Amino acid sequence: MSLKETAFYKVRHYYIQPEAKIKDRVNVAILGDFHISPIVTGRQNYEAYKRLIKLEPELIVLQGDLIDSPTEFFDEESVKKLKDTLKMCARIAPTVMVLGGHDYIIPIEPAALMDVIPLWKEICEECKVHLLMDEWYETDTLRVFGFFQDKDFTIQEDGELRDNPEVMEKRLADLKLEPEPDKINWFVSHSPSMTRRTKRYLKNFDVLSFGHTHGGCVPIGLDFIMDKLNLHGGLVSPDKKPFPKVARGAKQISDDTSMVINSGMIATHYSAKKPLQYLNMLKKGEITEIVFEPPETA
């Protein structure tokens, strides 16, 4: 497998050669972390739609955190923004999505965590989007598994929410995923927090894609410089820790597996501390395009 990258405004393009599994080019668009809420105007979303139409993807992958909190379901304008976003994507190409913690956890108490899942299923069905919760979605060339980071994946520690990567490791051991050798196998999850053993469980996937990191809250301009220097870290992590090591871009984690992290539509989210929220003004929305090329054209 080979991987090369170019950057162009709000779209990052990655080219992958998946070991003679395809005869024609296949392109997929990834975006997420809209964090729809009163603080998000939708301006970035409009720019993303224009880019998506030009890309003409064969599949769109939404990486989670479409809303900033389940309480947005009680806000008529937020629900409209959400439905407009999902419907726009579905009109452009078949669309799959996974949920992030903000979509169904924050700030609802644990006893009520799962109450919003039926709402998500209802909205996705209405908008013709495929919500993947430990499920596969297949096309002629792609086989996409959407991992559900359930309530156990997010823990509270020192007043902040943290990922619990050991939960993903345990659940993947139980799921025993078996990719299909004649298709491009894609693993989609919201958070890239993984253990070494998790990576071994996913070694037969061609691509692992994630969101969640907001690109490390790196402003537009500096992010492209970091990419050219092959620096995958950032300034601030989602749990507000400084200088995360893995927050952006794409890299190969083995000879046959590439990992791609989409930086999301906004730099940080409404639930972040007030000073961090102003970083939203310093970052344009990002779409990641993955182009799978047959060996003879790569």
C-alpha atoms as a PDB file:
ATOM      1  CA  MET A   1       0.000   0.000   0.000  1.00  0.00           C
ATOM      2  CA  SER A   2       1.225   3.476  -0.819  1.00  0.00           C
ATOM      3  CA  LEU A   3      -0.099   6.766   0.516  1.00  0.00           C
ATOM      4  CA  LYS A   4       0.565  10.318  -0.632  1.00  0.00           C
ATOM      5  CA  GLU A   5      -1.053  13.579   0.461  1.00  0.00           C
ATOM      6  CA  THR A   6      -1.735  17.033  -0.947  1.00  0.00           C
ATOM      7  CA  ALA A   7      -3.486  19.978   0.681  1.00  0.00           C
ATOM      8  CA  PHE A   8      -5.883  22.447  -0.972  1.00  0.00           C
ATOM      9  CA  TYR A   9      -7.773  25.075   1.027  1.00  0.00           C
ATOM     10  CA  LYS A  10     -10.445  23.334   3.089  1.00  0.00           C
ATOM     11  CA  VAL A  11     -10.011  19.920   1.471  1.00  0.00           C
ATOM     12  CA  ARG A  12      -7.256  17.426   2.207  1.00  0.00           C
ATOM     13  CA  HIS A  13      -6.721  14.657  -0.327  1.00  0.00           C
ATOM     14  CA  TYR A  14      -5.128  11.304   0.423  1.00  0.00           C
ATOM     15  CA  TYR A  15      -4.347   8.677  -2.216  1.00  0.00           C
ATOM     16  CA  ILE A  16      -4.206   5.017  -1.269  1.00  0.00           C
ATOM     17  CA  GLN A  17      -3.354   1.977  -3.348  1.00  0.00           C
ATOM     18  CA  PRO A  18      -5.210  -0.960  -1.773  1.00  0.00           C
ATOM     19  CA  GLU A  19      -3.292  -3.952  -3.097  1.00  0.00           C
ATOM     20  CA  ALA A  20      -5.130  -4.636  -6.368  1.00  0.00           C
ATOM     21  CA  LYS A  21      -8.561  -4.854  -4.703  1.00  0.00           C
ATOM     22  CA  ILE A  22     -10.122  -2.444  -7.205  1.00  0.00           C
ATOM     23  CA  LYS A  23     -10.038  -1.882 -10.967  1.00  0.00           C
ATOM     24  CA  ASP A  24     -11.270   1.724 -10.989  1.00  0.00           C
ATOM     25  CA  ARG A  25     -10.707   4.781  -8.800  1.00  0.00           C
ATOM     26  CA  VAL A  26     -12.997   5.116  -5.789  1.00  0.00           C
ATOM     27  CA  ASN A  27     -13.289   8.365  -3.824  1.00  0.00           C
ATOM     28  CA  VAL A  28     -14.841   8.876  -0.390  1.00  0.00           C
ATOM     29  CA  ALA A  29     -15.403  12.148   1.485  1.00  0.00           C
ATOM     30  CA  ILE A  30     -15.062  12.343   5.273  1.00  0.00           C
ATOM     31  CA  LEU A  31     -16.295  15.121   7.527  1.00  0.00           C
ATOM     32  CA  GLY A  32     -17.733  15.541  11.001  1.00  0.00           C
ATOM     33  CA  ASP A  33     -17.517  17.348  14.325  1.00  0.00           C
ATOM     34  CA  PHE A  34     -20.098  19.918  13.276  1.00  0.00           C
ATOM     35  CA  HIS A  35     -21.112  20.376  16.944  1.00  0.00           C
ATOM     36  CA  ILE A  36     -24.386  21.951  15.864  1.00  0.00           C
ATOM     37  CA  SER A  37     -25.424  24.387  18.589  1.00  0.00           C
ATOM     38  CA  PRO A  38     -26.187  28.105  19.038  1.00  0.00           C
ATOM     39  CA  ILE A  39     -22.463  28.932  18.709  1.00  0.00           C
ATOM     40  CA  VAL A  40     -22.186  27.324  15.255  1.00  0.00           C
ATOM     41  CA  THR A  41     -23.519  29.570  12.507  1.00  0.00           C
ATOM     42  CA  GLY A  42     -23.533  27.049   9.681  1.00  0.00           C
ATOM     43  CA  ARG A  43     -21.198  29.171   7.522  1.00  0.00           C
ATOM     44  CA  GLN A  44     -18.564  26.439   7.500  1.00  0.00           C
ATOM     45  CA  ASN A  45     -21.213  23.878   6.601  1.00  0.00           C
ATOM     46  CA  TYR A  46     -22.241  25.847   3.522  1.00  0.00           C
ATOM     47  CA  GLU A  47     -18.637  25.964   2.348  1.00  0.00           C
ATOM     48  CA  ALA A  48     -18.359  22.219   2.891  1.00  0.00           C
ATOM     49  CA  TYR A  49     -21.433  21.544   0.774  1.00  0.00           C
ATOM     50  CA  LYS A  50     -19.955  23.450  -2.156  1.00  0.00           C
ATOM     51  CA  ARG A  51     -16.763  21.413  -1.888  1.00  0.00           C
ATOM     52  CA  LEU A  52     -18.621  18.120  -1.569  1.00  0.00           C
ATOM     53  CA  ILE A  53     -20.584  18.759  -4.745  1.00  0.00           C
ATOM     54  CA  LYS A  54     -17.355  19.407  -6.654  1.00  0.00           C
ATOM     55  CA  LEU A  55     -15.699  16.264  -5.279  1.00  0.00           C
ATOM     56  CA  GLU A  56     -18.571  14.010  -6.413  1.00  0.00           C
ATOM     57  CA  PRO A  57     -17.796  11.317  -3.812  1.00  0.00           C
ATOM     58  CA  GLU A  58     -19.133   7.809  -4.139  1.00  0.00           C
ATOM     59  CA  LEU A  59     -19.668   7.676  -0.360  1.00  0.00           C
ATOM     60  CA  ILE A  60     -19.743  10.237   2.463  1.00  0.00           C
ATOM     61  CA  VAL A  61     -18.609   9.271   5.966  1.00  0.00           C
ATOM     62  CA  LEU A  62     -19.715  11.404   8.935  1.00  0.00           C
ATOM     63  CA  GLN A  63     -17.344  10.891  11.858  1.00  0.00           C
ATOM     64  CA  GLY A  64     -19.666  11.850  14.720  1.00  0.00           C
ATOM     65  CA  ASP A  65     -20.310  14.767  17.079  1.00  0.00           C
ATOM     66  CA  LEU A  66     -22.872  16.172  14.668  1.00  0.00           C
ATOM     67  CA  ILE A  67     -24.454  18.047  17.600  1.00  0.00           C
ATOM     68  CA  ASP A  68     -22.767  19.518  20.653  1.00  0.00           C
ATOM     69  CA  SER A  69     -25.113  17.970  23.191  1.00  0.00           C
ATOM     70  CA  PRO A  70     -28.280  15.827  23.257  1.00  0.00           C
ATOM     71  CA  THR A  71     -30.011  18.912  24.665  1.00  0.00           C
ATOM     72  CA  GLU A  72     -29.919  20.281  21.093  1.00  0.00           C
ATOM     73  CA  PHE A  73     -32.833  17.936  20.381  1.00  0.00           C
ATOM     74  CA  PHE A  74     -34.934  20.395  22.435  1.00  0.00           C
ATOM     75  CA  ASP A  75     -33.857  23.309  20.233  1.00  0.00           C
ATOM     76  CA  GLU A  76     -35.957  23.589  17.087  1.00  0.00           C
ATOM     77  CA  GLU A  77     -33.289  25.490  15.158  1.00  0.00           C
ATOM     78  CA  SER A  78     -30.567  22.972  16.044  1.00  0.00           C
ATOM     79  CA  VAL A  79     -32.747  20.068  14.902  1.00  0.00           C
ATOM     80  CA  LYS A  80     -33.371  21.886  11.615  1.00  0.00           C
ATOM     81  CA  LYS A  81     -29.619  22.463  11.124  1.00  0.00           C
ATOM     82  CA  LEU A  82     -28.960  18.791  11.840  1.00  0.00           C
ATOM     83  CA  LYS A  83     -31.581  17.541   9.396  1.00  0.00           C
ATOM     84  CA  ASP A  84     -30.453  20.002   6.723  1.00  0.00           C
ATOM     85  CA  THR A  85     -26.870  18.759   7.135  1.00  0.00           C
ATOM     86  CA  LEU A  86     -27.797  15.086   6.886  1.00  0.00           C
ATOM     87  CA  LYS A  87     -30.169  15.589   3.951  1.00  0.00           C
ATOM     88  CA  MET A  88     -27.614  17.620   2.014  1.00  0.00           C
ATOM     89  CA  CYS A  89     -25.007  14.886   2.395  1.00  0.00           C
ATOM     90  CA  ALA A  90     -27.476  12.154   1.438  1.00  0.00           C
ATOM     91  CA  ARG A  91     -28.468  14.063  -1.723  1.00  0.00           C
ATOM     92  CA  ILE A  92     -24.843  14.235  -2.839  1.00  0.00           C
ATOM     93  CA  ALA A  93     -23.921  10.568  -2.177  1.00  0.00           C
ATOM     94  CA  PRO A  94     -24.840   7.570  -0.011  1.00  0.00           C
ATOM     95  CA  THR A  95     -23.962   8.631   3.538  1.00  0.00           C
ATOM     96  CA  VAL A  96     -22.982   6.656   6.627  1.00  0.00           C
ATOM     97  CA  MET A  97     -22.307   7.986  10.113  1.00  0.00           C
ATOM     98  CA  VAL A  98     -21.190   7.004  13.595  1.00  0.00           C
ATOM     99  CA  LEU A  99     -22.043   8.725  16.859  1.00  0.00           C
ATOM    100  CA  GLY A 100     -19.630  10.643  19.045  1.00  0.00           C
ATOM    101  CA  GLY A 101     -19.966  11.268  22.759  1.00  0.00           C
ATOM    102  CA  HIS A 102     -21.498  14.714  22.240  1.00  0.00           C
ATOM    103  CA  ASP A 103     -24.258  13.174  20.139  1.00  0.00           C
ATOM    104  CA  TYR A 104     -25.772  11.189  22.987  1.00  0.00           C
ATOM    105  CA  ILE A 105     -23.873  11.648  26.271  1.00  0.00           C
ATOM    106  CA  ILE A 106     -22.903  15.204  27.183  1.00  0.00           C
ATOM    107  CA  PRO A 107     -24.354  16.487  29.529  1.00  0.00           C
ATOM    108  CA  ILE A 108     -27.120  13.923  30.089  1.00  0.00           C
ATOM    109  CA  GLU A 109     -26.786  11.831  33.233  1.00  0.00           C
ATOM    110  CA  PRO A 110     -25.757   8.161  32.776  1.00  0.00           C
ATOM    111  CA  ALA A 111     -29.252   6.833  33.540  1.00  0.00           C
ATOM    112  CA  ALA A 112     -30.617   8.681  30.516  1.00  0.00           C
ATOM    113  CA  LEU A 113     -27.736   8.068  28.102  1.00  0.00           C
ATOM    114  CA  MET A 114     -29.460   5.724  25.712  1.00  0.00           C
ATOM    115  CA  ASP A 115     -32.765   7.609  25.577  1.00  0.00           C
ATOM    116  CA  VAL A 116     -31.676   9.684  22.566  1.00  0.00           C
ATOM    117  CA  ILE A 117     -30.588   6.728  20.418  1.00  0.00           C
ATOM    118  CA  PRO A 118     -34.153   6.165  19.116  1.00  0.00           C
ATOM    119  CA  LEU A 119     -34.220   9.863  18.149  1.00  0.00           C
ATOM    120  CA  TRP A 120     -31.028   9.436  16.167  1.00  0.00           C
ATOM    121  CA  LYS A 121     -32.380   6.364  14.394  1.00  0.00           C
ATOM    122  CA  GLU A 122     -35.595   8.189  13.533  1.00  0.00           C
ATOM    123  CA  ILE A 123     -33.783  11.267  12.180  1.00  0.00           C
ATOM    124  CA  CYS A 124     -31.273   9.220  10.179  1.00  0.00           C
ATOM    125  CA  GLU A 125     -34.064   7.189   8.631  1.00  0.00           C
ATOM    126  CA  GLU A 126     -35.951  10.374   7.711  1.00  0.00           C
ATOM    127  CA  CYS A 127     -32.802  11.901   6.192  1.00  0.00           C
ATOM    128  CA  LYS A 128     -31.785   8.668   4.413  1.00  0.00           C
ATOM    129  CA  VAL A 129     -28.479   8.373   6.269  1.00  0.00           C
ATOM    130  CA  HIS A 130     -27.144   5.007   7.443  1.00  0.00           C
ATOM    131  CA  LEU A 131     -26.393   5.119  11.181  1.00  0.00           C
ATOM    132  CA  LEU A 132     -23.806   2.428  11.934  1.00  0.00           C
ATOM    133  CA  MET A 133     -23.737   1.072  15.487  1.00  0.00           C
ATOM    134  CA  ASP A 134     -21.404  -1.934  15.328  1.00  0.00           C
ATOM    135  CA  GLU A 135     -22.695  -2.609  11.816  1.00  0.00           C
ATOM    136  CA  TRP A 136     -21.358  -3.000   8.277  1.00  0.00           C
ATOM    137  CA  TYR A 137     -22.314  -0.983   5.203  1.00  0.00           C
ATOM    138  CA  GLU A 138     -21.316  -2.433   1.828  1.00  0.00           C
ATOM    139  CA  THR A 139     -20.970  -1.253  -1.755  1.00  0.00           C
ATOM    140  CA  ASP A 140     -19.500  -3.101  -4.720  1.00  0.00           C
ATOM    141  CA  THR A 141     -15.983  -2.093  -3.680  1.00  0.00           C
ATOM    142  CA  LEU A 142     -16.210  -0.915  -0.050  1.00  0.00           C
ATOM    143  CA  ARG A 143     -17.038  -2.611   3.218  1.00  0.00           C
ATOM    144  CA  VAL A 144     -17.384  -0.075   6.043  1.00  0.00           C
ATOM    145  CA  PHE A 145     -17.715  -0.983   9.717  1.00  0.00           C
ATOM    146  CA  GLY A 146     -19.059   1.723  12.026  1.00  0.00           C
ATOM    147  CA  PHE A 147     -17.949   1.233  15.635  1.00  0.00           C
ATOM    148  CA  PHE A 148     -20.293   2.422  18.390  1.00  0.00           C
ATOM    149  CA  GLN A 149     -18.343   4.058  21.209  1.00  0.00           C
ATOM    150  CA  ASP A 150     -20.886   3.329  23.919  1.00  0.00           C
ATOM    151  CA  LYS A 151     -21.277   4.977  27.324  1.00  0.00           C
ATOM    152  CA  ASP A 152     -18.465   2.914  28.845  1.00  0.00           C
ATOM    153  CA  PHE A 153     -15.964   4.417  26.411  1.00  0.00           C
ATOM    154  CA  THR A 154     -16.314   7.877  27.999  1.00  0.00           C
ATOM    155  CA  ILE A 155     -15.316   8.266  31.639  1.00  0.00           C
ATOM    156  CA  GLN A 156     -15.185  11.266  33.976  1.00  0.00           C
ATOM    157  CA  GLU A 157     -11.850  12.015  35.565  1.00  0.00           C
ATOM    158  CA  ASP A 158     -10.767  15.134  37.481  1.00  0.00           C
ATOM    159  CA  GLY A 159     -13.880  16.945  36.321  1.00  0.00           C
ATOM    160  CA  GLU A 160     -13.159  16.264  32.633  1.00  0.00           C
ATOM    161  CA  LEU A 161     -14.407  13.615  30.222  1.00  0.00           C
ATOM    162  CA  ARG A 162     -11.771  11.157  29.016  1.00  0.00           C
ATOM    163  CA  ASP A 163     -11.663   8.330  26.502  1.00  0.00           C
ATOM    164  CA  ASN A 164     -11.224   4.807  27.814  1.00  0.00           C
ATOM    165  CA  PRO A 165      -9.369   3.005  24.982  1.00  0.00           C
ATOM    166  CA  GLU A 166      -9.334  -0.295  26.866  1.00  0.00           C
ATOM    167  CA  VAL A 167     -13.110  -0.464  26.282  1.00  0.00           C
ATOM    168  CA  MET A 168     -12.598  -0.383  22.510  1.00  0.00           C
ATOM    169  CA  GLU A 169      -9.926  -3.074  22.837  1.00  0.00           C
ATOM    170  CA  LYS A 170     -12.227  -5.378  24.803  1.00  0.00           C
ATOM    171  CA  ARG A 171     -15.223  -4.877  22.533  1.00  0.00           C
ATOM    172  CA  LEU A 172     -13.197  -5.476  19.380  1.00  0.00           C
ATOM    173  CA  ALA A 173     -11.951  -8.710  20.914  1.00  0.00           C
ATOM    174  CA  ASP A 174     -15.585  -9.727  21.431  1.00  0.00           C
ATOM    175  CA  LEU A 175     -16.735  -8.555  17.975  1.00  0.00           C
ATOM    176  CA  LYS A 176     -14.056 -10.575  16.135  1.00  0.00           C
ATOM    177  CA  LEU A 177     -14.382  -8.548  12.949  1.00  0.00           C
ATOM    178  CA  GLU A 178     -13.551 -10.394   9.747  1.00  0.00           C
ATOM    179  CA  PRO A 179     -12.856  -8.105   6.792  1.00  0.00           C
ATOM    180  CA  GLU A 180     -13.496  -9.384   3.276  1.00  0.00           C
ATOM    181  CA  PRO A 181     -10.268  -9.889   1.287  1.00  0.00           C
ATOM    182  CA  ASP A 182     -11.710  -8.818  -2.085  1.00  0.00           C
ATOM    183  CA  LYS A 183     -13.066  -5.439  -0.904  1.00  0.00           C
ATOM    184  CA  ILE A 184     -11.631  -2.287   0.618  1.00  0.00           C
ATOM    185  CA  ASN A 185     -12.251  -2.724   4.346  1.00  0.00           C
ATOM    186  CA  TRP A 186     -12.812   0.467   6.317  1.00  0.00           C
ATOM    187  CA  PHE A 187     -13.115   0.926  10.085  1.00  0.00           C
ATOM    188  CA  VAL A 188     -14.926   4.098  11.198  1.00  0.00           C
ATOM    189  CA  SER A 189     -14.967   5.341  14.788  1.00  0.00           C
ATOM    190  CA  HIS A 190     -15.305   8.766  16.354  1.00  0.00           C
ATOM    191  CA  SER A 191     -12.274   8.808  18.655  1.00  0.00           C
ATOM    192  CA  PRO A 192      -8.791   7.614  17.632  1.00  0.00           C
ATOM    193  CA  SER A 193      -7.892   6.491  21.166  1.00  0.00           C
ATOM    194  CA  MET A 194      -6.484   3.007  20.687  1.00  0.00           C
ATOM    195  CA  THR A 195      -4.181   0.583  22.458  1.00  0.00           C
ATOM    196  CA  ARG A 196      -1.483  -1.455  20.716  1.00  0.00           C
ATOM    197  CA  ARG A 197      -3.689  -4.517  20.943  1.00  0.00           C
ATOM    198  CA  THR A 198      -6.572  -2.575  19.345  1.00  0.00           C
ATOM    199  CA  LYS A 199      -4.379  -1.870  16.332  1.00  0.00           C
ATOM    200  CA  ARG A 200      -3.609  -5.577  16.053  1.00  0.00           C
ATOM    201  CA  TYR A 201      -7.338  -6.372  16.018  1.00  0.00           C
ATOM    202  CA  LEU A 202      -7.714  -3.947  13.107  1.00  0.00           C
ATOM    203  CA  LYS A 203      -4.664  -5.046  11.119  1.00  0.00           C
ATOM    204  CA  ASN A 204      -6.739  -6.495   8.267  1.00  0.00           C
ATOM    205  CA  PHE A 205      -8.484  -3.187   7.557  1.00  0.00           C
ATOM    206  CA  ASP A 206      -7.200  -1.007   4.737  1.00  0.00           C
ATOM    207  CA  VAL A 207      -8.276   2.256   6.375  1.00  0.00           C
ATOM    208  CA  LEU A 208      -9.084   3.425   9.901  1.00  0.00           C
ATOM    209  CA  SER A 209     -10.773   6.824  10.043  1.00  0.00           C
ATOM    210  CA  PHE A 210     -11.545   9.039  13.023  1.00  0.00           C
ATOM    211  CA  GLY A 211     -12.679  12.528  14.021  1.00  0.00           C
ATOM    212  CA  HIS A 212     -12.891  13.947  17.556  1.00  0.00           C
ATOM    213  CA  THR A 213      -9.514  15.715  17.723  1.00  0.00           C
ATOM    214  CA  HIS A 214     -10.474  18.983  15.965  1.00  0.00           C
ATOM    215  CA  GLY A 215      -7.022  18.900  14.430  1.00  0.00           C
ATOM    216  CA  GLY A 216      -5.544  19.764  17.793  1.00  0.00           C
ATOM    217  CA  CYS A 217      -7.085  23.261  17.538  1.00  0.00           C
ATOM    218  CA  VAL A 218      -4.375  24.345  15.090  1.00  0.00           C
ATOM    219  CA  PRO A 219      -5.358  27.552  13.193  1.00  0.00           C
ATOM    220  CA  ILE A 220      -5.674  27.555   9.409  1.00  0.00           C
ATOM    221  CA  GLY A 221      -2.290  28.138   7.791  1.00  0.00           C
ATOM    222  CA  LEU A 222      -0.229  26.609  10.572  1.00  0.00           C
ATOM    223  CA  ASP A 223      -2.033  23.299  10.028  1.00  0.00           C
ATOM    224  CA  PHE A 224      -0.807  23.064   6.421  1.00  0.00           C
ATOM    225  CA  ILE A 225       2.764  23.800   7.518  1.00  0.00           C
ATOM    226  CA  MET A 226       2.562  21.039  10.125  1.00  0.00           C
ATOM    227  CA  ASP A 227       1.202  18.643   7.506  1.00  0.00           C
ATOM    228  CA  LYS A 228       4.073  19.373   5.138  1.00  0.00           C
ATOM    229  CA  LEU A 229       6.471  18.678   8.002  1.00  0.00           C
ATOM    230  CA  ASN A 230       4.608  15.408   8.642  1.00  0.00           C
ATOM    231  CA  LEU A 231       3.645  16.530  12.153  1.00  0.00           C
ATOM    232  CA  HIS A 232       0.462  14.821  13.318  1.00  0.00           C
ATOM    233  CA  GLY A 233       0.112  16.548  16.682  1.00  0.00           C
ATOM    234  CA  GLY A 234      -1.761  19.652  17.784  1.00  0.00           C
ATOM    235  CA  LEU A 235      -1.971  22.433  20.352  1.00  0.00           C
ATOM    236  CA  VAL A 236      -4.937  21.310  22.484  1.00  0.00           C
ATOM    237  CA  SER A 237      -6.636  17.910  22.753  1.00  0.00           C
ATOM    238  CA  PRO A 238     -10.436  17.457  23.090  1.00  0.00           C
ATOM    239  CA  ASP A 239      -9.966  16.856  26.816  1.00  0.00           C
ATOM    240  CA  LYS A 240      -7.990  20.143  26.955  1.00  0.00           C
ATOM    241  CA  LYS A 241      -4.538  18.589  27.412  1.00  0.00           C
ATOM    242  CA  PRO A 242      -1.671  20.458  25.722  1.00  0.00           C
ATOM    243  CA  PHE A 243       0.164  19.212  22.636  1.00  0.00           C
ATOM    244  CA  PRO A 244      -1.546  15.927  21.725  1.00  0.00           C
ATOM    245  CA  LYS A 245       0.720  13.673  19.616  1.00  0.00           C
ATOM    246  CA  VAL A 246      -1.932  12.350  17.225  1.00  0.00           C
ATOM    247  CA  ALA A 247      -4.567  14.887  16.176  1.00  0.00           C
ATOM    248  CA  ARG A 248      -4.480  15.319  12.417  1.00  0.00           C
ATOM    249  CA  GLY A 249      -3.622  14.058   8.978  1.00  0.00           C
ATOM    250  CA  ALA A 250      -2.921  10.582   7.658  1.00  0.00           C
ATOM    251  CA  LYS A 251      -0.208   8.038   8.168  1.00  0.00           C
ATOM    252  CA  GLN A 252       0.406   4.368   7.628  1.00  0.00           C
ATOM    253  CA  ILE A 253       0.402   2.364  10.835  1.00  0.00           C
ATOM    254  CA  SER A 254       1.440  -0.810   9.019  1.00  0.00           C
ATOM    255  CA  ASP A 255       2.294  -1.871   5.471  1.00  0.00           C
ATOM    256  CA  ASP A 256      -1.382  -2.511   4.710  1.00  0.00           C
ATOM    257  CA  THR A 257      -3.286  -0.131   7.010  1.00  0.00           C
ATOM    258  CA  SER A 258      -3.626   3.660   6.833  1.00  0.00           C
ATOM    259  CA  MET A 259      -5.047   5.841   9.597  1.00  0.00           C
ATOM    260  CA  VAL A 260      -6.817   9.099   8.675  1.00  0.00           C
ATOM    261  CA  ILE A 261      -8.020  11.752  11.138  1.00  0.00           C
ATOM    262  CA  ASN A 262     -10.464  14.403   9.960  1.00  0.00           C
ATOM    263  CA  SER A 263     -10.055  17.746  11.746  1.00  0.00           C
ATOM    264  CA  GLY A 264     -13.753  18.521  11.698  1.00  0.00           C
ATOM    265  CA  MET A 265     -15.893  21.477  10.790  1.00  0.00           C
ATOM    266  CA  ILE A 266     -14.980  23.670  13.771  1.00  0.00           C
ATOM    267  CA  ALA A 267     -11.817  24.099  15.793  1.00  0.00           C
ATOM    268  CA  THR A 268     -13.371  23.355  19.149  1.00  0.00           C
ATOM    269  CA  HIS A 269     -16.833  22.948  20.597  1.00  0.00           C
ATOM    270  CA  TYR A 270     -19.451  24.764  22.643  1.00  0.00           C
ATOM    271  CA  SER A 271     -18.774  22.767  25.799  1.00  0.00           C
ATOM    272  CA  ALA A 272     -15.092  23.741  25.779  1.00  0.00           C
ATOM    273  CA  LYS A 273     -13.866  26.438  28.130  1.00  0.00           C
ATOM    274  CA  LYS A 274     -14.771  29.932  26.935  1.00  0.00           C
ATOM    275  CA  PRO A 275     -11.251  31.030  25.819  1.00  0.00           C
ATOM    276  CA  LEU A 276     -10.960  27.950  23.600  1.00  0.00           C
ATOM    277  CA  GLN A 277     -14.268  28.641  21.884  1.00  0.00           C
ATOM    278  CA  TYR A 278     -12.783  31.652  20.098  1.00  0.00           C
ATOM    279  CA  LEU A 279     -10.505  29.267  18.200  1.00  0.00           C
ATOM    280  CA  ASN A 280     -13.560  28.498  16.061  1.00  0.00           C
ATOM    281  CA  MET A 281     -12.825  31.761  14.236  1.00  0.00           C
ATOM    282  CA  LEU A 282      -9.326  30.575  13.300  1.00  0.00           C
ATOM    283  CA  LYS A 283     -10.210  27.380  11.472  1.00  0.00           C
ATOM    284  CA  LYS A 284     -12.208  26.704   8.351  1.00  0.00           C
ATOM    285  CA  GLY A 285     -14.180  23.523   7.975  1.00  0.00           C
ATOM    286  CA  GLU A 286     -12.228  20.544   6.693  1.00  0.00           C
ATOM    287  CA  ILE A 287     -13.239  17.762   4.328  1.00  0.00           C
ATOM    288  CA  THR A 288     -10.986  14.778   3.888  1.00  0.00           C
ATOM    289  CA  GLU A 289     -11.089  13.042   0.520  1.00  0.00           C
ATOM    290  CA  ILE A 290      -9.662   9.550   0.244  1.00  0.00           C
ATOM    291  CA  VAL A 291      -9.019   8.345  -3.291  1.00  0.00           C
ATOM    292  CA  PHE A 292      -8.407   4.642  -3.744  1.00  0.00           C
ATOM    293  CA  GLU A 293      -6.412   3.983  -6.896  1.00  0.00           C
ATOM    294  CA  PRO A 294      -5.709   0.736  -8.746  1.00  0.00           C
ATOM    295  CA  PRO A 295      -2.016  -0.227  -8.601  1.00  0.00           C
ATOM    296  CA  GLU A 296      -1.356   0.613 -12.245  1.00  0.00           C
ATOM    297  CA  THR A 297      -2.556   4.246 -11.825  1.00  0.00           C
ATOM    298  CA  ALA A 298      -1.088   5.039  -8.415  1.00  0.00           C
END
